[in-house]
Protein backbone atom coordinates (compact mmCIF):
# COMPACT_ATOMS: atom_id res chain seq x y z
CA UNK A 1 -25.51 -16.90 20.80
CA UNK A 2 -22.79 -19.50 20.40
CA UNK A 3 -19.38 -17.86 19.93
CA UNK A 4 -16.11 -19.56 19.01
CA UNK A 5 -12.60 -18.13 18.85
CA UNK A 6 -10.19 -19.69 16.38
CA UNK A 7 -7.25 -17.32 16.81
CA UNK A 8 -4.48 -18.48 19.15
CA UNK A 9 -3.38 -15.10 20.52
CA UNK A 10 -6.88 -14.35 21.85
CA UNK A 11 -7.38 -17.88 23.17
CA UNK A 12 -4.10 -17.76 25.10
CA UNK A 13 -5.00 -14.51 26.85
CA UNK A 14 -6.97 -15.47 29.94
CA UNK A 15 -8.17 -11.91 30.58
CA UNK A 16 -9.77 -11.81 27.14
CA UNK A 17 -11.23 -15.29 27.51
CA UNK A 18 -12.75 -14.34 30.88
CA UNK A 19 -14.22 -11.15 29.41
CA UNK A 20 -15.70 -13.06 26.48
CA UNK A 21 -17.27 -15.71 28.72
CA UNK A 22 -18.69 -12.98 30.96
CA UNK A 23 -20.74 -11.75 28.01
CA UNK A 24 -21.11 -15.04 26.10
CA UNK A 25 -21.06 -17.93 28.61
CA UNK A 26 -21.27 -20.64 25.93
CA UNK A 27 -18.13 -19.46 24.16
CA UNK A 28 -15.41 -21.89 23.12
CA UNK A 29 -11.79 -20.95 22.40
CA UNK A 30 -9.01 -22.66 20.49
CA UNK A 31 -6.98 -24.39 23.19
CA UNK A 32 -5.07 -26.55 20.71
CA UNK A 33 -2.31 -23.97 20.38
CA UNK A 34 -2.04 -24.33 16.60
CA UNK A 35 -3.58 -22.40 13.73
CA UNK A 36 -6.57 -24.42 12.61
CA UNK A 37 -7.00 -25.15 8.91
CA UNK A 38 -9.09 -27.37 6.65
CA UNK A 39 -11.22 -30.02 8.34
CA UNK A 40 -9.87 -29.14 11.78
CA UNK A 41 -11.16 -25.58 11.40
CA UNK A 42 -14.51 -26.80 10.04
CA UNK A 43 -14.93 -29.27 12.91
CA UNK A 44 -14.14 -26.58 15.45
CA UNK A 45 -16.57 -24.06 13.97
CA UNK A 46 -19.39 -26.29 12.73
CA UNK A 47 -22.02 -25.30 15.32
CA UNK A 48 -21.10 -21.65 15.88
CA UNK A 49 -23.32 -18.61 15.35
CA UNK A 50 -20.51 -16.07 15.59
CA UNK A 51 -16.76 -16.25 15.22
CA UNK A 52 -13.71 -14.31 16.37
CA UNK A 53 -11.09 -14.94 13.70
CA UNK A 54 -7.45 -13.95 13.38
CA UNK A 55 -5.43 -15.00 10.36
CA UNK A 56 -7.36 -18.17 9.55
CA UNK A 57 -8.55 -18.32 5.94
CA UNK A 58 -12.29 -17.77 5.67
CA UNK A 59 -13.53 -18.51 2.14
CA UNK A 60 -16.70 -19.69 0.43
CA UNK A 61 -15.76 -23.35 0.71
CA UNK A 62 -15.42 -23.05 4.47
CA UNK A 63 -18.56 -20.96 4.87
CA UNK A 64 -20.62 -23.57 3.01
CA UNK A 65 -19.85 -25.94 5.89
CA UNK A 66 -21.01 -23.43 8.51
CA UNK A 67 -24.75 -22.86 7.89
CA UNK A 68 -25.33 -21.36 11.35
CA UNK A 69 -22.63 -18.70 11.08
CA UNK A 70 -24.07 -15.19 10.97
CA UNK A 71 -21.25 -12.96 12.20
CA UNK A 72 -17.46 -12.75 11.97
CA UNK A 73 -15.60 -10.47 14.35
CA UNK A 74 -12.03 -9.73 13.28
CA UNK A 75 -9.24 -10.01 15.83
CA UNK A 76 -6.62 -7.76 14.22
CA UNK A 77 -6.76 -5.27 11.39
CA UNK A 78 -6.24 -7.06 8.06
CA UNK A 79 -9.19 -8.48 6.14
CA UNK A 80 -7.19 -10.16 3.37
CA UNK A 81 -7.83 -13.62 4.83
CA UNK A 82 -11.62 -13.19 4.67
CA UNK A 83 -13.56 -13.52 1.42
CA UNK A 84 -15.82 -10.52 1.88
CA UNK A 85 -17.94 -11.27 -1.19
CA UNK A 86 -18.55 -14.82 -0.02
CA UNK A 87 -19.68 -13.48 3.35
CA UNK A 88 -21.99 -10.94 1.71
CA UNK A 89 -23.55 -13.59 -0.52
CA UNK A 90 -24.38 -15.68 2.56
CA UNK A 91 -25.64 -12.80 4.67
CA UNK A 92 -22.72 -13.01 7.10
CA UNK A 93 -21.81 -9.69 8.69
CA UNK A 94 -18.26 -8.57 9.49
CA UNK A 95 -17.10 -6.60 12.54
CA UNK A 96 -13.77 -4.85 12.12
CA UNK A 97 -11.87 -1.82 13.42
CA UNK A 98 -8.76 -0.52 11.66
CA UNK A 99 -5.66 0.69 13.45
CA UNK A 100 -6.19 -1.12 16.75
CA UNK A 101 -2.60 -2.41 16.85
CA UNK A 102 -0.91 0.39 14.91
CA UNK A 103 1.49 1.47 17.69
CA UNK A 104 2.62 -2.10 18.28
CA UNK A 105 3.49 -2.70 14.61
CA UNK A 106 5.05 0.74 14.14
CA UNK A 107 7.28 0.21 17.18
CA UNK A 108 8.49 -3.09 15.73
CA UNK A 109 9.30 -1.40 12.41
CA UNK A 110 11.26 1.27 14.28
CA UNK A 111 13.03 -1.44 16.30
CA UNK A 112 14.01 -3.22 13.11
CA UNK A 113 15.42 0.03 11.73
CA UNK A 114 17.63 0.57 14.76
CA UNK A 115 18.74 -3.06 14.88
CA UNK A 116 19.67 -3.10 11.20
CA UNK A 117 21.41 0.28 11.18
CA UNK A 118 23.49 -0.38 14.30
CA UNK A 119 24.24 -4.06 13.59
CA UNK A 120 22.58 -5.01 16.89
CA UNK A 121 21.27 -8.35 15.64
CA UNK A 122 24.33 -9.48 13.72
CA UNK A 123 26.90 -8.53 16.36
CA UNK A 124 24.77 -10.08 19.12
CA UNK A 125 24.76 -13.38 17.24
CA UNK A 126 28.51 -13.09 16.69
CA UNK A 127 29.14 -12.42 20.38
CA UNK A 128 27.43 -15.72 21.19
CA UNK A 129 30.13 -17.34 19.08
CA UNK A 130 32.86 -15.31 20.91
CA UNK A 131 33.38 -13.10 17.86
CA UNK A 132 34.28 -9.57 18.95
CA UNK A 133 33.03 -7.36 16.09
CA UNK A 134 33.28 -3.63 16.83
CA UNK A 135 31.37 -2.53 13.71
CA UNK A 136 28.62 -0.34 15.16
CA UNK A 137 26.95 0.41 11.84
CA UNK A 138 25.50 3.87 11.35
CA UNK A 139 22.95 6.09 13.04
CA UNK A 140 19.32 6.11 12.02
CA UNK A 141 19.24 9.86 12.60
CA UNK A 142 19.24 11.91 9.43
CA UNK A 143 18.77 8.98 7.05
CA UNK A 144 16.26 8.76 4.21
CA UNK A 145 13.34 6.49 5.08
CA UNK A 146 10.87 5.20 2.49
CA UNK A 147 7.40 4.24 3.70
CA UNK A 148 5.20 2.34 1.24
CA UNK A 149 1.60 2.48 2.46
CA UNK A 150 0.58 5.46 4.56
CA UNK A 151 -2.39 4.00 6.40
CA UNK A 152 -2.78 3.77 10.17
CA UNK A 153 0.54 2.03 10.77
CA UNK A 154 2.50 4.05 8.23
CA UNK A 155 1.28 7.29 9.83
CA UNK A 156 2.14 5.98 13.29
CA UNK A 157 5.66 5.19 12.10
CA UNK A 158 6.00 8.75 10.81
CA UNK A 159 5.20 9.99 14.32
CA UNK A 160 7.78 7.67 15.92
CA UNK A 161 10.48 8.78 13.48
CA UNK A 162 10.12 12.51 14.17
CA UNK A 163 12.86 12.70 16.86
CA UNK A 164 15.38 11.16 14.44
CA UNK A 165 15.22 13.99 11.92
CA UNK A 166 14.95 11.68 8.93
CA UNK A 167 13.94 12.61 5.42
CA UNK A 168 10.77 10.57 4.88
CA UNK A 169 9.65 9.56 1.41
CA UNK A 170 6.12 8.14 1.12
CA UNK A 171 4.15 6.30 -1.52
CA UNK A 172 0.47 5.39 -1.40
CA UNK A 173 -2.27 4.70 -3.94
CA UNK A 174 -4.48 7.18 -2.07
CA UNK A 175 -4.07 10.95 -1.92
CA UNK A 176 -1.90 11.59 1.15
CA UNK A 177 -0.79 15.08 0.16
CA UNK A 178 -2.42 16.85 3.12
CA UNK A 179 -0.87 14.53 5.70
CA UNK A 180 2.46 14.75 3.89
CA UNK A 181 2.37 18.55 3.92
CA UNK A 182 1.50 18.66 7.62
CA UNK A 183 4.35 16.29 8.51
CA UNK A 184 7.10 17.41 6.10
CA UNK A 185 6.95 14.21 4.06
CA UNK A 186 7.95 13.89 0.42
CA UNK A 187 5.42 12.10 -1.79
CA UNK A 188 7.20 10.19 -4.57
CA UNK A 189 6.49 7.36 -6.98
CA UNK A 190 7.52 3.85 -6.00
CA UNK A 191 10.58 3.77 -8.27
CA UNK A 192 12.05 6.96 -6.83
CA UNK A 193 11.41 5.77 -3.29
CA UNK A 194 13.11 2.44 -3.93
CA UNK A 195 16.17 4.07 -5.51
CA UNK A 196 16.58 6.82 -2.90
CA UNK A 197 15.76 5.34 0.51
CA UNK A 198 18.31 4.05 3.00
CA UNK A 199 15.55 2.02 4.66
CA UNK A 200 12.24 0.93 3.12
CA UNK A 201 9.36 -0.08 5.39
CA UNK A 202 6.28 -1.74 3.88
CA UNK A 203 2.82 -1.06 5.31
CA UNK A 204 0.38 -1.97 2.54
CA UNK A 205 -2.53 -4.42 2.61
CA UNK A 206 -2.12 -7.74 0.81
CA UNK A 207 -3.98 -7.81 -2.49
CA UNK A 208 -3.41 -8.53 -6.15
CA UNK A 209 -1.74 -5.15 -6.65
CA UNK A 210 0.78 -5.70 -3.84
CA UNK A 211 1.60 -9.37 -4.48
CA UNK A 212 5.33 -9.57 -5.33
CA UNK A 213 5.66 -5.82 -4.93
CA UNK A 214 9.35 -6.45 -4.25
CA UNK A 215 11.15 -8.78 -6.63
CA UNK A 216 14.70 -9.01 -7.90
CA UNK A 217 13.98 -6.04 -10.15
CA UNK A 218 13.25 -3.81 -7.15
CA UNK A 219 16.22 -5.14 -5.15
CA UNK A 220 18.54 -4.23 -8.03
CA UNK A 221 17.18 -0.66 -7.91
CA UNK A 222 17.85 -0.30 -4.17
CA UNK A 223 21.09 1.05 -2.74
CA UNK A 224 23.56 -1.70 -1.87
CA UNK A 225 23.74 -0.15 1.62
CA UNK A 226 19.96 -0.13 2.12
CA UNK A 227 17.60 -2.24 4.21
CA UNK A 228 14.09 -3.60 3.58
CA UNK A 229 11.50 -4.14 6.33
CA UNK A 230 8.18 -5.97 5.94
CA UNK A 231 5.77 -6.02 8.88
CA UNK A 232 2.69 -5.94 6.62
CA UNK A 233 1.77 -9.25 4.97
CA UNK A 234 3.61 -12.18 3.44
CA UNK A 235 3.73 -12.37 -0.33
CA UNK A 236 4.37 -8.66 -0.76
CA UNK A 237 8.08 -9.47 -0.79
CA UNK A 238 9.15 -12.30 -3.07
CA UNK A 239 11.15 -14.40 -0.63
CA UNK A 240 13.05 -16.35 -3.29
CA UNK A 241 14.28 -13.09 -4.80
CA UNK A 242 15.00 -11.63 -1.35
CA UNK A 243 17.26 -14.57 -0.59
CA UNK A 244 19.20 -13.88 -3.80
CA UNK A 245 19.41 -10.17 -2.99
CA UNK A 246 20.76 -10.86 0.50
CA UNK A 247 23.21 -13.52 -0.68
CA UNK A 248 24.57 -11.39 -3.51
CA UNK A 249 24.64 -8.26 -1.30
CA UNK A 250 22.31 -6.32 -3.59
CA UNK A 251 21.05 -4.85 -0.31
CA UNK A 252 22.70 -4.81 3.11
CA UNK A 253 19.96 -6.56 5.02
CA UNK A 254 16.28 -7.07 5.70
CA UNK A 255 13.80 -7.74 8.48
CA UNK A 256 10.67 -9.87 8.07
CA UNK A 257 7.81 -10.39 10.49
CA UNK A 258 5.50 -11.90 7.85
CA UNK A 259 5.92 -14.66 5.28
CA UNK A 260 4.19 -16.11 2.23
CA UNK A 261 3.79 -19.36 4.21
CA UNK A 262 3.38 -19.22 7.97
CA UNK A 263 5.21 -20.66 9.74
CA UNK A 264 7.95 -20.35 7.07
CA UNK A 265 9.96 -23.43 6.12
CA UNK A 266 12.81 -21.99 4.03
CA UNK A 267 15.75 -22.38 6.41
CA UNK A 268 18.07 -21.14 3.69
CA UNK A 269 16.39 -17.75 4.00
CA UNK A 270 15.82 -17.74 7.74
CA UNK A 271 19.44 -18.62 8.56
CA UNK A 272 20.94 -15.76 6.56
CA UNK A 273 23.15 -13.56 8.73
CA UNK A 274 21.80 -10.32 7.27
CA UNK A 275 18.14 -11.16 7.87
CA UNK A 276 16.21 -10.49 11.06
CA UNK A 277 13.14 -12.74 11.22
CA UNK A 278 10.34 -12.80 13.78
CA UNK A 279 7.18 -14.98 13.95
CA UNK A 280 4.47 -12.46 12.92
CA UNK A 281 4.46 -10.72 16.30
CA UNK A 282 4.34 -7.12 15.09
CA UNK A 283 0.81 -6.57 16.36
CA UNK A 284 1.21 -8.80 19.39
CA UNK A 285 2.47 -6.46 22.09
CA UNK A 286 0.49 -7.22 25.24
CA UNK A 287 -1.36 -3.94 25.00
CA UNK A 288 -2.26 -4.55 21.36
CA UNK A 289 -3.42 -8.12 22.01
CA UNK A 290 -5.81 -6.89 24.67
CA UNK A 291 -7.03 -3.95 22.58
CA UNK A 292 -7.70 -6.18 19.56
CA UNK A 293 -9.51 -8.69 21.73
CA UNK A 294 -11.71 -6.08 23.39
CA UNK A 295 -12.52 -4.63 19.97
CA UNK A 296 -13.57 -8.07 18.70
CA UNK A 297 -15.79 -8.64 21.74
CA UNK A 298 -17.37 -5.21 21.37
CA UNK A 299 -18.31 -6.00 17.78
CA UNK A 300 -20.02 -9.18 18.98
CA UNK A 301 -21.90 -7.24 21.65
CA UNK A 302 -23.08 -4.74 19.06
CA UNK A 303 -24.33 -7.59 16.85
CA UNK A 304 -26.07 -9.24 19.81
CA UNK A 305 -27.82 -5.96 20.65
CA UNK A 306 -28.91 -5.65 17.03
CA UNK A 307 -30.45 -9.13 17.16
CA UNK A 308 -32.32 -8.34 20.37
CA UNK A 309 -33.71 -5.10 18.99
């Protein structure tokens, strides 16, 4: 079975590559170092039977150019970049495990909270310009945290926040009342969460319902002292409106690990002093990279066994 790996993070991890080749000697990985799109992605995948994919867009138009493809193994946890109906129509199976990198992303969200609250990012940048700013911000302990999306990562963040004694407000389209009761969380509607939280952390999937979940309207409802964190998916936060909110001090600051276009190109947003921005590395702690890679390989092995039997 011919296997190809389009995702960069997997391809750059030699331990994962060695493990893949041990089981699938004819495998080929993306050594180009860039996210493949369009014709480049088609050319790379044209003769593959199975694919390990990261964030590359897999739609019907692409699949029509890959007649041999029978299996897609997901490196990571989000499926929003894969047209599941198009795969089903073509008999292409999907291998996927949720929550593989939940600790990695939750730790980043917690890190963002501490950095924003204590002015760690802003004062560090100022120190590099020999500006001695003694404003230490405020403690995370005891603050009101709003978590939108209480899936694997949202629940992991709840666990990490326990030592800080925060009041945690949660909002989810699913019934999370039992988990909330067990963990002293307060289930509220989105509007109340936005108006009440000192820090809002987004952990929802990307879909039609979450596109532009945060616009200027939501920023105007937030406390002027509050922070917004998005480690979920780009497009959930309207970046044009976020730039206005940060510039006009509608909120105190924000942290983004994901963007509507990746890599982002809006320097006007990225250069704002009250924005922390990272290159979609929330799930890329070394441990998470390896765990996601092993999970993807295991799905391929399960499919191979199915073919043999």
